Every structure is written in structure tokens, then in C-alpha cells.
C-alpha atoms as a PDB file:
ATOM      1  CA  MET A   1      67.408 -18.474 141.130  1.00  0.00           C
ATOM      2  CA  LYS A   2      70.002 -20.512 143.045  1.00  0.00           C
ATOM      3  CA  GLN A   3      68.813 -23.740 141.455  1.00  0.00           C
ATOM      4  CA  LEU A   4      68.912 -22.210 137.970  1.00  0.00           C
ATOM      5  CA  LEU A   5      72.472 -20.995 138.500  1.00  0.00           C
ATOM      6  CA  GLU A   6      73.502 -24.424 139.757  1.00  0.00           C
ATOM      7  CA  LEU A   7      71.821 -26.126 136.782  1.00  0.00           C
ATOM      8  CA  LEU A   8      73.552 -23.789 134.308  1.00  0.00           C
ATOM      9  CA  GLY A   9      76.864 -24.336 136.103  1.00  0.00           C
ATOM     10  CA  PHE A  10      76.452 -28.102 135.869  1.00  0.00           C
ATOM     11  CA  LEU A  11      75.640 -27.992 132.231  1.00  0.00           C
ATOM     12  CA  ALA A  12      78.603 -25.696 131.472  1.00  0.00           C
ATOM     13  CA  LEU A  13      80.852 -27.986 133.511  1.00  0.00           C
ATOM     14  CA  VAL A  14      79.725 -31.106 131.692  1.00  0.00           C
ATOM     15  CA  GLN A  15      80.053 -29.515 128.269  1.00  0.00           C
ATOM     16  CA  GLY A  16      83.525 -28.122 129.132  1.00  0.00           C
ATOM     17  CA  VAL A  17      84.786 -31.509 130.321  1.00  0.00           C
ATOM     18  CA  MET A  18      83.284 -33.291 127.321  1.00  0.00           C
ATOM     19  CA  GLY A  19      84.905 -30.677 124.960  1.00  0.00           C
ATOM     20  CA  LEU A  20      88.321 -31.302 126.589  1.00  0.00           C
ATOM     21  CA  LEU A  21      87.722 -35.043 126.358  1.00  0.00           C
ATOM     22  CA  HIS A  22      87.018 -34.668 122.664  1.00  0.00           C
ATOM     23  CA  GLU A  23      90.107 -32.558 122.085  1.00  0.00           C
ATOM     24  CA  PHE A  24      92.474 -34.998 123.824  1.00  0.00           C
ATOM     25  CA  THR A  25      90.955 -38.340 122.925  1.00  0.00           C
ATOM     26  CA  HIS A  26      89.063 -37.521 119.712  1.00  0.00           C
ATOM     27  CA  TRP A  27      85.856 -39.083 121.043  1.00  0.00           C
ATOM     28  CA  HIS A  28      82.892 -37.369 119.426  1.00  0.00           C
ATOM     29  CA  VAL A  29      81.149 -36.068 122.495  1.00  0.00           C
ATOM     30  CA  GLY A  30      80.004 -32.610 123.577  1.00  0.00           C
ATOM     31  CA  LEU A  31      78.618 -29.550 121.846  1.00  0.00           C
ATOM     32  CA  VAL A  32      81.819 -27.510 121.508  1.00  0.00           C
ATOM     33  CA  GLN A  33      82.975 -29.567 118.497  1.00  0.00           C
ATOM     34  CA  ARG A  34      79.675 -28.972 116.753  1.00  0.00           C
ATOM     35  CA  VAL A  35      79.808 -25.141 116.832  1.00  0.00           C
ATOM     36  CA  GLY A  36      81.398 -24.086 113.576  1.00  0.00           C
ATOM     37  CA  PHE A  37      82.964 -20.791 114.564  1.00  0.00           C
ATOM     38  CA  LEU A  38      84.921 -22.519 117.342  1.00  0.00           C
ATOM     39  CA  ASP A  39      87.018 -24.634 114.912  1.00  0.00           C
ATOM     40  CA  GLY A  40      90.570 -24.588 116.128  1.00  0.00           C
ATOM     41  CA  TYR A  41      89.593 -23.054 119.459  1.00  0.00           C
ATOM     42  CA  GLY A  42      88.027 -26.131 121.107  1.00  0.00           C
ATOM     43  CA  VAL A  43      90.427 -26.292 124.019  1.00  0.00           C
ATOM     44  CA  TYR A  44      90.035 -22.587 124.811  1.00  0.00           C
ATOM     45  CA  ALA A  45      86.250 -22.799 124.583  1.00  0.00           C
ATOM     46  CA  SER A  46      86.151 -25.833 126.795  1.00  0.00           C
ATOM     47  CA  VAL A  47      88.379 -24.270 129.439  1.00  0.00           C
ATOM     48  CA  ALA A  48      86.248 -21.197 129.325  1.00  0.00           C
ATOM     49  CA  LEU A  49      83.147 -23.296 129.946  1.00  0.00           C
ATOM     50  CA  VAL A  50      84.814 -24.941 132.956  1.00  0.00           C
ATOM     51  CA  VAL A  51      85.769 -21.515 134.360  1.00  0.00           C
ATOM     52  CA  LEU A  52      82.226 -20.247 133.703  1.00  0.00           C
ATOM     53  CA  ALA A  53      80.830 -23.271 135.528  1.00  0.00           C
ATOM     54  CA  PHE A  54      82.862 -22.499 138.636  1.00  0.00           C
ATOM     55  CA  ALA A  55      81.809 -18.820 138.444  1.00  0.00           C
ATOM     56  CA  LEU A  56      78.167 -19.880 138.214  1.00  0.00           C
ATOM     57  CA  PHE A  57      78.632 -22.244 141.191  1.00  0.00           C
ATOM     58  CA  ALA A  58      80.139 -19.358 143.217  1.00  0.00           C
ATOM     59  CA  ALA A  59      77.298 -17.042 142.264  1.00  0.00           C
ATOM     60  CA  ALA A  60      74.721 -19.669 143.231  1.00  0.00           C
ATOM     61  CA  GLU A  61      76.424 -20.206 146.589  1.00  0.00           C
ATOM     62  CA  SER A  62      76.329 -16.493 147.291  1.00  0.00           C
ATOM     63  CA  ARG A  63      72.533 -16.409 146.717  1.00  0.00           C
ATOM     64  CA  LYS A  64      70.007 -17.115 149.386  1.00  0.00           C
ATOM     65  CA  SER A  65      67.946 -20.325 149.098  1.00  0.00           C
ATOM     66  CA  GLY A  66      64.721 -19.996 147.202  1.00  0.00           C
END
């Protein structure tokens, strides 16, 4: 379970950072820009993904190994 939480946290962190990178540099990277109902809310969604990633890392750290 710990490894799953870490993997999900890593994916959320990468997508959040890529979404912020897209919003500020207009590079076409990440999945946030491809989700239609998030049009106009890309920065908020990306920040939420980064916060979720840190929450997942904290949850993984509180779990026992295995």
C-alpha cells in the first residue's frame, strides 16, 4: 500500500508541475490541459494536484512498510 501511495503521489506531482509549466510557458505538456471541464482553471487544478501529491506522500510515510 505504501508503494502505491508513493506512486500515485509521484504521478500527481508530475502532472501538477507539468500543468503549471503549461500555464506559465504555454508548452503543451501534461494532462490538465486536455481535460475539457478544467478550461480556465488549469492553475487551480495543477496546484491542487501538487497539494494532493504531498498529502499522498505524507499518507505513505505514515504507513508501515509492506
